[in-house]
């Protein structure tokens, strides 16, 4: 094997891992449940992410974001379009909890357990960066770079309030009104459409109000409250060499989540922020080519963020 082949395999190592992990999940559920849908479902998602991630790795640095958006479109269109609008699966967080309470092994239950609970232990908030159908739309808005940083940390409490209100609504409907979900029904489609209208509308309004495409992800998305738990233990995180870092702040200015990346590098740690969406934008703008994803065991949760003022 020559150097070029080793270099190519090195670039695609995470892509290969993602592909293998998803297909292992696909085969496991297929064998356990005896339903070929699971083979198709997880096989498609894993292949779609691998195609996008592989495209990202092989494109020139300035064009790499196109690979990530390809993955977003392939996965988002399938989950929202096919499973949601065609198959009538309630892919909203409410659907996940309603189906859990009802003991229904539905698509959204599998999706949330895999993508939002267990996979963050491997890839952190990679879902937010590569597959979220809300971000799939928001990333095309004009404010890709938040020039001044995050607003007050008090705004970040909104997502926990949102999550609390969501759980409260679910429990009131379930225990007080006796609501029971009818899987794959028009009622579930109503939940999906209404929820996504609210998500997209609030995301777009926040993006223009704060001049920040990812404002919804930072302040309002209730699903991040779940993903951030597993992200603390993520095997893959971004890392830089302290000796190579010139502290030029290019990575921080480009980071869609306003993470002060050089501070982690100076402390000889990986990027331990659970706000990292693993988009790898930092690695594409670093003039020293000093940032890359590495696999180690460490504990995340230390937040060093760039804020206004």
C-alpha atoms as a PDB file:
ATOM      1  CA  UNK A   1       0.000   0.000   0.000  1.00  0.00           C
ATOM      2  CA  UNK A   2       1.500   3.332  -0.999  1.00  0.00           C
ATOM      3  CA  UNK A   3       1.424   6.655   0.876  1.00  0.00           C
ATOM      4  CA  UNK A   4      -1.477   8.057  -1.186  1.00  0.00           C
ATOM      5  CA  UNK A   5      -3.650   5.051  -0.350  1.00  0.00           C
ATOM      6  CA  UNK A   6      -2.819   5.362   3.357  1.00  0.00           C
ATOM      7  CA  UNK A   7      -3.618   9.065   3.218  1.00  0.00           C
ATOM      8  CA  UNK A   8      -6.989   8.376   1.589  1.00  0.00           C
ATOM      9  CA  UNK A   9      -7.854   5.746   4.184  1.00  0.00           C
ATOM     10  CA  UNK A  10      -6.804   8.166   6.895  1.00  0.00           C
ATOM     11  CA  UNK A  11      -9.162  10.824   5.544  1.00  0.00           C
ATOM     12  CA  UNK A  12     -12.052   8.391   5.358  1.00  0.00           C
ATOM     13  CA  UNK A  13     -11.521   6.570   8.664  1.00  0.00           C
ATOM     14  CA  UNK A  14     -14.440   8.247  10.452  1.00  0.00           C
ATOM     15  CA  UNK A  15     -16.634   7.864   7.350  1.00  0.00           C
ATOM     16  CA  UNK A  16     -15.936   4.131   7.337  1.00  0.00           C
ATOM     17  CA  UNK A  17     -16.688   3.877  11.066  1.00  0.00           C
ATOM     18  CA  UNK A  18     -20.005   5.696  10.621  1.00  0.00           C
ATOM     19  CA  UNK A  19     -20.947   3.437   7.709  1.00  0.00           C
ATOM     20  CA  UNK A  20     -20.086   0.265   9.654  1.00  0.00           C
ATOM     21  CA  UNK A  21     -21.848   1.396  12.861  1.00  0.00           C
ATOM     22  CA  UNK A  22     -25.117   2.162  11.054  1.00  0.00           C
ATOM     23  CA  UNK A  23     -25.090  -1.053   9.072  1.00  0.00           C
ATOM     24  CA  UNK A  24     -24.388  -3.048  12.229  1.00  0.00           C
ATOM     25  CA  UNK A  25     -27.429  -1.378  13.825  1.00  0.00           C
ATOM     26  CA  UNK A  26     -29.451  -2.095  10.668  1.00  0.00           C
ATOM     27  CA  UNK A  27     -28.581  -5.793  10.691  1.00  0.00           C
ATOM     28  CA  UNK A  28     -29.128  -6.082  14.462  1.00  0.00           C
ATOM     29  CA  UNK A  29     -32.662  -4.624  14.347  1.00  0.00           C
ATOM     30  CA  UNK A  30     -33.484  -6.624  11.211  1.00  0.00           C
ATOM     31  CA  UNK A  31     -32.516  -9.871  12.926  1.00  0.00           C
ATOM     32  CA  UNK A  32     -34.175  -8.988  16.233  1.00  0.00           C
ATOM     33  CA  UNK A  33     -37.462  -7.758  14.764  1.00  0.00           C
ATOM     34  CA  UNK A  34     -37.576  -9.827  11.576  1.00  0.00           C
ATOM     35  CA  UNK A  35     -38.577  -6.769   9.560  1.00  0.00           C
ATOM     36  CA  UNK A  36     -36.540  -5.761   6.525  1.00  0.00           C
ATOM     37  CA  UNK A  37     -37.633  -2.133   7.028  1.00  0.00           C
ATOM     38  CA  UNK A  38     -34.983  -1.762   9.721  1.00  0.00           C
ATOM     39  CA  UNK A  39     -32.296  -2.922   7.305  1.00  0.00           C
ATOM     40  CA  UNK A  40     -33.453  -0.336   4.775  1.00  0.00           C
ATOM     41  CA  UNK A  41     -33.957   2.450   7.323  1.00  0.00           C
ATOM     42  CA  UNK A  42     -30.614   2.359   9.115  1.00  0.00           C
ATOM     43  CA  UNK A  43     -28.779   1.212   6.020  1.00  0.00           C
ATOM     44  CA  UNK A  44     -30.067   4.221   4.098  1.00  0.00           C
ATOM     45  CA  UNK A  45     -29.276   6.713   6.878  1.00  0.00           C
ATOM     46  CA  UNK A  46     -25.784   5.317   7.416  1.00  0.00           C
ATOM     47  CA  UNK A  47     -25.063   5.294   3.693  1.00  0.00           C
ATOM     48  CA  UNK A  48     -26.445   8.838   3.254  1.00  0.00           C
ATOM     49  CA  UNK A  49     -24.281  10.211   6.063  1.00  0.00           C
ATOM     50  CA  UNK A  50     -21.260   8.294   4.755  1.00  0.00           C
ATOM     51  CA  UNK A  51     -21.798   9.676   1.235  1.00  0.00           C
ATOM     52  CA  UNK A  52     -22.031  13.231   2.575  1.00  0.00           C
ATOM     53  CA  UNK A  53     -19.088  12.789   4.944  1.00  0.00           C
ATOM     54  CA  UNK A  54     -17.011  11.098   2.249  1.00  0.00           C
ATOM     55  CA  UNK A  55     -17.771  13.930  -0.174  1.00  0.00           C
ATOM     56  CA  UNK A  56     -16.770  16.380   2.554  1.00  0.00           C
ATOM     57  CA  UNK A  57     -13.420  14.661   3.079  1.00  0.00           C
ATOM     58  CA  UNK A  58     -12.574  14.466  -0.626  1.00  0.00           C
ATOM     59  CA  UNK A  59     -13.561  18.018  -1.602  1.00  0.00           C
ATOM     60  CA  UNK A  60     -11.077  20.936  -1.446  1.00  0.00           C
ATOM     61  CA  UNK A  61     -11.131  22.747   1.899  1.00  0.00           C
ATOM     62  CA  UNK A  62     -13.243  25.723   0.805  1.00  0.00           C
ATOM     63  CA  UNK A  63     -15.873  23.480  -0.784  1.00  0.00           C
ATOM     64  CA  UNK A  64     -16.151  20.945   2.043  1.00  0.00           C
ATOM     65  CA  UNK A  65     -19.379  22.401   3.532  1.00  0.00           C
ATOM     66  CA  UNK A  66     -21.173  21.142   0.407  1.00  0.00           C
ATOM     67  CA  UNK A  67     -20.545  17.585   1.596  1.00  0.00           C
ATOM     68  CA  UNK A  68     -22.135  18.252   4.973  1.00  0.00           C
ATOM     69  CA  UNK A  69     -25.173  19.857   3.351  1.00  0.00           C
ATOM     70  CA  UNK A  70     -25.500  16.861   1.058  1.00  0.00           C
ATOM     71  CA  UNK A  71     -25.732  14.620   4.126  1.00  0.00           C
ATOM     72  CA  UNK A  72     -28.303  16.960   5.695  1.00  0.00           C
ATOM     73  CA  UNK A  73     -30.471  16.862   2.575  1.00  0.00           C
ATOM     74  CA  UNK A  74     -30.247  13.086   2.092  1.00  0.00           C
ATOM     75  CA  UNK A  75     -31.057  12.275   5.716  1.00  0.00           C
ATOM     76  CA  UNK A  76     -33.465  15.144   6.424  1.00  0.00           C
ATOM     77  CA  UNK A  77     -35.547  14.552   3.301  1.00  0.00           C
ATOM     78  CA  UNK A  78     -35.870  10.871   4.183  1.00  0.00           C
ATOM     79  CA  UNK A  79     -36.799  11.327   7.856  1.00  0.00           C
ATOM     80  CA  UNK A  80     -39.124  14.277   7.400  1.00  0.00           C
ATOM     81  CA  UNK A  81     -40.398  13.509   3.902  1.00  0.00           C
ATOM     82  CA  UNK A  82     -40.641   9.724   3.706  1.00  0.00           C
ATOM     83  CA  UNK A  83     -41.089   8.607   7.345  1.00  0.00           C
ATOM     84  CA  UNK A  84     -43.017  11.717   8.366  1.00  0.00           C
ATOM     85  CA  UNK A  85     -45.170  13.015   5.534  1.00  0.00           C
ATOM     86  CA  UNK A  86     -45.596   9.725   3.643  1.00  0.00           C
ATOM     87  CA  UNK A  87     -45.530   7.077   6.416  1.00  0.00           C
ATOM     88  CA  UNK A  88     -47.281   9.335   8.995  1.00  0.00           C
ATOM     89  CA  UNK A  89     -44.629   8.790  11.684  1.00  0.00           C
ATOM     90  CA  UNK A  90     -44.617  11.474  14.394  1.00  0.00           C
ATOM     91  CA  UNK A  91     -40.887  12.240  14.316  1.00  0.00           C
ATOM     92  CA  UNK A  92     -41.264  15.111  16.789  1.00  0.00           C
ATOM     93  CA  UNK A  93     -39.994  14.743  20.349  1.00  0.00           C
ATOM     94  CA  UNK A  94     -43.632  14.459  21.493  1.00  0.00           C
ATOM     95  CA  UNK A  95     -44.059  11.391  19.293  1.00  0.00           C
ATOM     96  CA  UNK A  96     -41.021   9.776  20.884  1.00  0.00           C
ATOM     97  CA  UNK A  97     -42.400  10.145  24.419  1.00  0.00           C
ATOM     98  CA  UNK A  98     -45.993   9.264  23.477  1.00  0.00           C
ATOM     99  CA  UNK A  99     -44.824   6.048  21.816  1.00  0.00           C
ATOM    100  CA  UNK A 100     -42.604   5.205  24.796  1.00  0.00           C
ATOM    101  CA  UNK A 101     -45.523   5.646  27.194  1.00  0.00           C
ATOM    102  CA  UNK A 102     -47.716   3.537  24.929  1.00  0.00           C
ATOM    103  CA  UNK A 103     -45.112   0.802  24.485  1.00  0.00           C
ATOM    104  CA  UNK A 104     -45.140   1.342  20.713  1.00  0.00           C
ATOM    105  CA  UNK A 105     -41.861   0.422  19.014  1.00  0.00           C
ATOM    106  CA  UNK A 106     -42.276   3.104  16.340  1.00  0.00           C
ATOM    107  CA  UNK A 107     -39.815   4.751  13.975  1.00  0.00           C
ATOM    108  CA  UNK A 108     -39.411   7.847  16.113  1.00  0.00           C
ATOM    109  CA  UNK A 109     -38.561   5.722  19.176  1.00  0.00           C
ATOM    110  CA  UNK A 110     -35.790   3.965  17.290  1.00  0.00           C
ATOM    111  CA  UNK A 111     -34.634   7.239  15.780  1.00  0.00           C
ATOM    112  CA  UNK A 112     -34.384   9.083  19.089  1.00  0.00           C
ATOM    113  CA  UNK A 113     -32.763   6.214  20.967  1.00  0.00           C
ATOM    114  CA  UNK A 114     -30.129   5.729  18.278  1.00  0.00           C
ATOM    115  CA  UNK A 115     -29.489   9.279  16.990  1.00  0.00           C
ATOM    116  CA  UNK A 116     -30.205  11.327  20.117  1.00  0.00           C
ATOM    117  CA  UNK A 117     -29.284   9.029  23.021  1.00  0.00           C
ATOM    118  CA  UNK A 118     -26.633   6.471  22.039  1.00  0.00           C
ATOM    119  CA  UNK A 119     -24.780   7.871  18.996  1.00  0.00           C
ATOM    120  CA  UNK A 120     -23.787  11.098  20.842  1.00  0.00           C
ATOM    121  CA  UNK A 121     -21.571   8.847  22.980  1.00  0.00           C
ATOM    122  CA  UNK A 122     -19.573   8.257  19.798  1.00  0.00           C
ATOM    123  CA  UNK A 123     -19.983  11.437  17.735  1.00  0.00           C
ATOM    124  CA  UNK A 124     -21.296  14.051  20.164  1.00  0.00           C
ATOM    125  CA  UNK A 125     -23.791  16.408  18.556  1.00  0.00           C
ATOM    126  CA  UNK A 126     -22.905  15.179  15.094  1.00  0.00           C
ATOM    127  CA  UNK A 127     -26.626  14.776  14.411  1.00  0.00           C
ATOM    128  CA  UNK A 128     -27.072  18.549  14.781  1.00  0.00           C
ATOM    129  CA  UNK A 129     -24.302  19.228  12.290  1.00  0.00           C
ATOM    130  CA  UNK A 130     -24.921  16.538   9.695  1.00  0.00           C
ATOM    131  CA  UNK A 131     -28.494  15.253   9.747  1.00  0.00           C
ATOM    132  CA  UNK A 132     -30.978  17.590  11.490  1.00  0.00           C
ATOM    133  CA  UNK A 133     -33.831  18.502   9.133  1.00  0.00           C
ATOM    134  CA  UNK A 134     -34.436  21.809  10.927  1.00  0.00           C
ATOM    135  CA  UNK A 135     -30.802  22.858  10.515  1.00  0.00           C
ATOM    136  CA  UNK A 136     -30.989  21.565   6.929  1.00  0.00           C
ATOM    137  CA  UNK A 137     -33.137  24.617   6.186  1.00  0.00           C
ATOM    138  CA  UNK A 138     -31.598  27.092   8.645  1.00  0.00           C
ATOM    139  CA  UNK A 139     -28.085  26.562   7.272  1.00  0.00           C
ATOM    140  CA  UNK A 140     -29.210  28.111   3.969  1.00  0.00           C
ATOM    141  CA  UNK A 141     -30.158  31.411   5.609  1.00  0.00           C
ATOM    142  CA  UNK A 142     -27.752  34.352   5.095  1.00  0.00           C
ATOM    143  CA  UNK A 143     -26.129  34.501   8.576  1.00  0.00           C
ATOM    144  CA  UNK A 144     -23.641  31.646   8.398  1.00  0.00           C
ATOM    145  CA  UNK A 145     -21.121  33.534  10.520  1.00  0.00           C
ATOM    146  CA  UNK A 146     -22.250  35.118  13.765  1.00  0.00           C
ATOM    147  CA  UNK A 147     -19.874  38.092  13.880  1.00  0.00           C
ATOM    148  CA  UNK A 148     -20.356  39.173  17.485  1.00  0.00           C
ATOM    149  CA  UNK A 149     -20.852  35.945  19.453  1.00  0.00           C
ATOM    150  CA  UNK A 150     -23.611  34.579  21.623  1.00  0.00           C
ATOM    151  CA  UNK A 151     -26.035  36.626  23.629  1.00  0.00           C
ATOM    152  CA  UNK A 152     -26.403  36.184  27.411  1.00  0.00           C
ATOM    153  CA  UNK A 153     -26.267  32.648  28.775  1.00  0.00           C
ATOM    154  CA  UNK A 154     -29.761  33.236  30.144  1.00  0.00           C
ATOM    155  CA  UNK A 155     -31.051  32.732  26.615  1.00  0.00           C
ATOM    156  CA  UNK A 156     -29.749  29.153  26.717  1.00  0.00           C
ATOM    157  CA  UNK A 157     -32.196  28.400  29.530  1.00  0.00           C
ATOM    158  CA  UNK A 158     -35.003  28.743  26.975  1.00  0.00           C
ATOM    159  CA  UNK A 159     -34.298  25.278  25.550  1.00  0.00           C
ATOM    160  CA  UNK A 160     -34.685  23.731  29.029  1.00  0.00           C
ATOM    161  CA  UNK A 161     -37.922  25.665  29.530  1.00  0.00           C
ATOM    162  CA  UNK A 162     -39.064  24.461  26.086  1.00  0.00           C
ATOM    163  CA  UNK A 163     -38.184  20.872  27.014  1.00  0.00           C
ATOM    164  CA  UNK A 164     -40.007  21.198  30.353  1.00  0.00           C
ATOM    165  CA  UNK A 165     -43.130  22.577  28.677  1.00  0.00           C
ATOM    166  CA  UNK A 166     -43.026  19.751  26.133  1.00  0.00           C
ATOM    167  CA  UNK A 167     -42.830  17.085  28.852  1.00  0.00           C
ATOM    168  CA  UNK A 168     -45.601  18.818  30.789  1.00  0.00           C
ATOM    169  CA  UNK A 169     -47.853  18.855  27.710  1.00  0.00           C
ATOM    170  CA  UNK A 170     -47.222  15.157  27.120  1.00  0.00           C
ATOM    171  CA  UNK A 171     -48.030  14.186  30.718  1.00  0.00           C
ATOM    172  CA  UNK A 172     -51.157  16.353  30.877  1.00  0.00           C
ATOM    173  CA  UNK A 173     -52.516  14.889  27.642  1.00  0.00           C
ATOM    174  CA  UNK A 174     -51.589  11.326  28.618  1.00  0.00           C
ATOM    175  CA  UNK A 175     -52.590  11.174  32.297  1.00  0.00           C
ATOM    176  CA  UNK A 176     -55.281  13.846  32.568  1.00  0.00           C
ATOM    177  CA  UNK A 177     -57.045  13.716  29.200  1.00  0.00           C
ATOM    178  CA  UNK A 178     -56.299  10.072  28.443  1.00  0.00           C
ATOM    179  CA  UNK A 179     -54.796  10.799  25.025  1.00  0.00           C
ATOM    180  CA  UNK A 180     -53.360   7.749  23.301  1.00  0.00           C
ATOM    181  CA  UNK A 181     -51.426   7.956  20.020  1.00  0.00           C
ATOM    182  CA  UNK A 182     -52.751   6.074  17.049  1.00  0.00           C
ATOM    183  CA  UNK A 183     -49.580   5.073  15.287  1.00  0.00           C
ATOM    184  CA  UNK A 184     -49.193   6.202  11.656  1.00  0.00           C
ATOM    185  CA  UNK A 185     -52.483   8.105  11.668  1.00  0.00           C
ATOM    186  CA  UNK A 186     -53.501  11.547  10.446  1.00  0.00           C
ATOM    187  CA  UNK A 187     -53.373  12.721  14.064  1.00  0.00           C
ATOM    188  CA  UNK A 188     -49.671  11.857  14.146  1.00  0.00           C
ATOM    189  CA  UNK A 189     -49.219  13.672  10.841  1.00  0.00           C
ATOM    190  CA  UNK A 190     -50.867  16.718  12.419  1.00  0.00           C
ATOM    191  CA  UNK A 191     -48.373  16.617  15.301  1.00  0.00           C
ATOM    192  CA  UNK A 192     -45.493  16.381  12.839  1.00  0.00           C
ATOM    193  CA  UNK A 193     -46.643  19.214  10.552  1.00  0.00           C
ATOM    194  CA  UNK A 194     -47.617  21.551  13.404  1.00  0.00           C
ATOM    195  CA  UNK A 195     -44.399  20.917  15.305  1.00  0.00           C
ATOM    196  CA  UNK A 196     -42.211  21.507  12.272  1.00  0.00           C
ATOM    197  CA  UNK A 197     -44.055  24.701  11.323  1.00  0.00           C
ATOM    198  CA  UNK A 198     -43.369  26.034  14.828  1.00  0.00           C
ATOM    199  CA  UNK A 199     -39.730  24.901  14.733  1.00  0.00           C
ATOM    200  CA  UNK A 200     -39.008  26.342  11.308  1.00  0.00           C
ATOM    201  CA  UNK A 201     -40.868  29.592  12.021  1.00  0.00           C
ATOM    202  CA  UNK A 202     -39.123  30.192  15.363  1.00  0.00           C
ATOM    203  CA  UNK A 203     -35.755  29.178  13.874  1.00  0.00           C
ATOM    204  CA  UNK A 204     -36.084  31.596  10.958  1.00  0.00           C
ATOM    205  CA  UNK A 205     -37.322  34.435  13.173  1.00  0.00           C
ATOM    206  CA  UNK A 206     -34.436  33.936  15.623  1.00  0.00           C
ATOM    207  CA  UNK A 207     -31.920  33.713  12.779  1.00  0.00           C
ATOM    208  CA  UNK A 208     -32.928  37.093  11.355  1.00  0.00           C
ATOM    209  CA  UNK A 209     -33.447  38.750  14.749  1.00  0.00           C
ATOM    210  CA  UNK A 210     -30.025  37.720  16.066  1.00  0.00           C
ATOM    211  CA  UNK A 211     -28.277  37.509  12.665  1.00  0.00           C
ATOM    212  CA  UNK A 212     -27.336  33.922  13.448  1.00  0.00           C
ATOM    213  CA  UNK A 213     -28.475  30.855  11.484  1.00  0.00           C
ATOM    214  CA  UNK A 214     -27.884  28.549  14.444  1.00  0.00           C
ATOM    215  CA  UNK A 215     -29.693  30.646  17.063  1.00  0.00           C
ATOM    216  CA  UNK A 216     -32.476  28.059  17.328  1.00  0.00           C
ATOM    217  CA  UNK A 217     -29.906  25.332  18.072  1.00  0.00           C
ATOM    218  CA  UNK A 218     -28.221  27.456  20.750  1.00  0.00           C
ATOM    219  CA  UNK A 219     -31.221  28.805  22.596  1.00  0.00           C
ATOM    220  CA  UNK A 220     -34.506  27.082  21.822  1.00  0.00           C
ATOM    221  CA  UNK A 221     -34.194  23.499  20.526  1.00  0.00           C
ATOM    222  CA  UNK A 222     -35.439  21.108  23.262  1.00  0.00           C
ATOM    223  CA  UNK A 223     -33.755  18.086  21.705  1.00  0.00           C
ATOM    224  CA  UNK A 224     -30.299  19.459  22.520  1.00  0.00           C
ATOM    225  CA  UNK A 225     -31.062  18.921  26.213  1.00  0.00           C
ATOM    226  CA  UNK A 226     -31.000  15.183  25.511  1.00  0.00           C
ATOM    227  CA  UNK A 227     -28.085  15.112  23.055  1.00  0.00           C
ATOM    228  CA  UNK A 228     -25.812  17.213  25.291  1.00  0.00           C
ATOM    229  CA  UNK A 229     -25.856  14.476  27.957  1.00  0.00           C
ATOM    230  CA  UNK A 230     -24.269  11.831  25.743  1.00  0.00           C
ATOM    231  CA  UNK A 231     -22.011  14.403  24.101  1.00  0.00           C
ATOM    232  CA  UNK A 232     -20.051  14.787  27.330  1.00  0.00           C
ATOM    233  CA  UNK A 233     -18.720  11.259  26.767  1.00  0.00           C
ATOM    234  CA  UNK A 234     -18.218  11.527  22.985  1.00  0.00           C
ATOM    235  CA  UNK A 235     -15.383   9.358  21.703  1.00  0.00           C
ATOM    236  CA  UNK A 236     -14.747  11.641  18.719  1.00  0.00           C
ATOM    237  CA  UNK A 237     -14.004  15.316  19.370  1.00  0.00           C
ATOM    238  CA  UNK A 238     -12.005  18.032  17.641  1.00  0.00           C
ATOM    239  CA  UNK A 239      -8.385  18.524  18.704  1.00  0.00           C
ATOM    240  CA  UNK A 240      -5.457  20.810  17.859  1.00  0.00           C
ATOM    241  CA  UNK A 241      -1.724  20.896  18.593  1.00  0.00           C
ATOM    242  CA  UNK A 242      -0.794  23.611  21.085  1.00  0.00           C
ATOM    243  CA  UNK A 243       2.602  24.169  19.447  1.00  0.00           C
ATOM    244  CA  UNK A 244       1.073  24.747  15.999  1.00  0.00           C
ATOM    245  CA  UNK A 245      -1.740  27.067  17.110  1.00  0.00           C
ATOM    246  CA  UNK A 246      -1.072  30.759  16.305  1.00  0.00           C
ATOM    247  CA  UNK A 247      -4.184  31.905  18.196  1.00  0.00           C
ATOM    248  CA  UNK A 248      -5.423  33.685  15.066  1.00  0.00           C
ATOM    249  CA  UNK A 249      -9.055  32.983  16.091  1.00  0.00           C
ATOM    250  CA  UNK A 250     -10.044  31.978  12.544  1.00  0.00           C
ATOM    251  CA  UNK A 251     -11.654  28.819  13.925  1.00  0.00           C
ATOM    252  CA  UNK A 252     -13.623  30.719  16.574  1.00  0.00           C
ATOM    253  CA  UNK A 253     -14.897  33.295  14.080  1.00  0.00           C
ATOM    254  CA  UNK A 254     -16.046  30.525  11.727  1.00  0.00           C
ATOM    255  CA  UNK A 255     -17.553  28.235  14.379  1.00  0.00           C
ATOM    256  CA  UNK A 256     -21.352  28.267  13.933  1.00  0.00           C
ATOM    257  CA  UNK A 257     -21.753  27.511  17.648  1.00  0.00           C
ATOM    258  CA  UNK A 258     -19.380  30.288  18.851  1.00  0.00           C
ATOM    259  CA  UNK A 259     -16.943  27.969  20.628  1.00  0.00           C
ATOM    260  CA  UNK A 260     -13.655  29.565  21.687  1.00  0.00           C
ATOM    261  CA  UNK A 261     -11.572  26.724  20.261  1.00  0.00           C
ATOM    262  CA  UNK A 262      -8.040  28.127  20.872  1.00  0.00           C
ATOM    263  CA  UNK A 263      -8.676  28.146  24.626  1.00  0.00           C
ATOM    264  CA  UNK A 264      -9.085  24.367  24.590  1.00  0.00           C
ATOM    265  CA  UNK A 265      -5.925  23.993  22.530  1.00  0.00           C
ATOM    266  CA  UNK A 266      -3.953  26.189  24.949  1.00  0.00           C
ATOM    267  CA  UNK A 267      -5.138  23.971  27.817  1.00  0.00           C
ATOM    268  CA  UNK A 268      -3.917  20.844  25.976  1.00  0.00           C
ATOM    269  CA  UNK A 269      -7.444  19.429  25.817  1.00  0.00           C
ATOM    270  CA  UNK A 270      -9.748  18.508  23.016  1.00  0.00           C
ATOM    271  CA  UNK A 271     -12.774  20.702  22.304  1.00  0.00           C
ATOM    272  CA  UNK A 272     -14.822  19.618  25.328  1.00  0.00           C
ATOM    273  CA  UNK A 273     -17.835  21.833  24.690  1.00  0.00           C
ATOM    274  CA  UNK A 274     -21.138  19.981  24.358  1.00  0.00           C
ATOM    275  CA  UNK A 275     -22.176  22.816  22.039  1.00  0.00           C
ATOM    276  CA  UNK A 276     -19.861  21.419  19.338  1.00  0.00           C
ATOM    277  CA  UNK A 277     -21.960  20.015  16.471  1.00  0.00           C
ATOM    278  CA  UNK A 278     -18.964  18.224  14.931  1.00  0.00           C
ATOM    279  CA  UNK A 279     -19.424  20.129  11.669  1.00  0.00           C
ATOM    280  CA  UNK A 280     -15.613  20.427  11.370  1.00  0.00           C
ATOM    281  CA  UNK A 281     -15.878  23.954   9.995  1.00  0.00           C
ATOM    282  CA  UNK A 282     -12.959  24.870  12.269  1.00  0.00           C
ATOM    283  CA  UNK A 283     -10.697  22.390  10.497  1.00  0.00           C
ATOM    284  CA  UNK A 284     -11.522  23.850   7.062  1.00  0.00           C
ATOM    285  CA  UNK A 285     -10.601  27.442   7.991  1.00  0.00           C
ATOM    286  CA  UNK A 286      -7.504  26.872  10.147  1.00  0.00           C
ATOM    287  CA  UNK A 287      -4.534  28.323   8.199  1.00  0.00           C
ATOM    288  CA  UNK A 288      -2.172  25.925   9.981  1.00  0.00           C
ATOM    289  CA  UNK A 289      -4.312  22.863   9.188  1.00  0.00           C
ATOM    290  CA  UNK A 290      -4.088  22.166  12.899  1.00  0.00           C
ATOM    291  CA  UNK A 291      -7.559  20.839  13.757  1.00  0.00           C
ATOM    292  CA  UNK A 292      -8.901  17.338  13.227  1.00  0.00           C
ATOM    293  CA  UNK A 293     -11.233  14.802  14.805  1.00  0.00           C
ATOM    294  CA  UNK A 294      -9.540  12.374  17.189  1.00  0.00           C
ATOM    295  CA  UNK A 295     -10.772   9.375  19.170  1.00  0.00           C
ATOM    296  CA  UNK A 296     -10.027   9.353  22.902  1.00  0.00           C
ATOM    297  CA  UNK A 297     -11.798   8.870  26.193  1.00  0.00           C
ATOM    298  CA  UNK A 298     -12.271  12.125  28.070  1.00  0.00           C
ATOM    299  CA  UNK A 299     -15.103  13.967  29.778  1.00  0.00           C
ATOM    300  CA  UNK A 300     -16.686  16.927  28.032  1.00  0.00           C
ATOM    301  CA  UNK A 301     -18.871  19.648  29.431  1.00  0.00           C
ATOM    302  CA  UNK A 302     -16.404  22.468  29.940  1.00  0.00           C
ATOM    303  CA  UNK A 303     -17.985  25.345  28.019  1.00  0.00           C
ATOM    304  CA  UNK A 304     -15.717  28.107  26.690  1.00  0.00           C
ATOM    305  CA  UNK A 305     -17.907  30.179  24.385  1.00  0.00           C
ATOM    306  CA  UNK A 306     -17.565  33.497  22.554  1.00  0.00           C
ATOM    307  CA  UNK A 307     -20.199  35.952  23.730  1.00  0.00           C
ATOM    308  CA  UNK A 308     -21.174  39.475  22.762  1.00  0.00           C
ATOM    309  CA  UNK A 309     -19.265  42.125  24.670  1.00  0.00           C
END
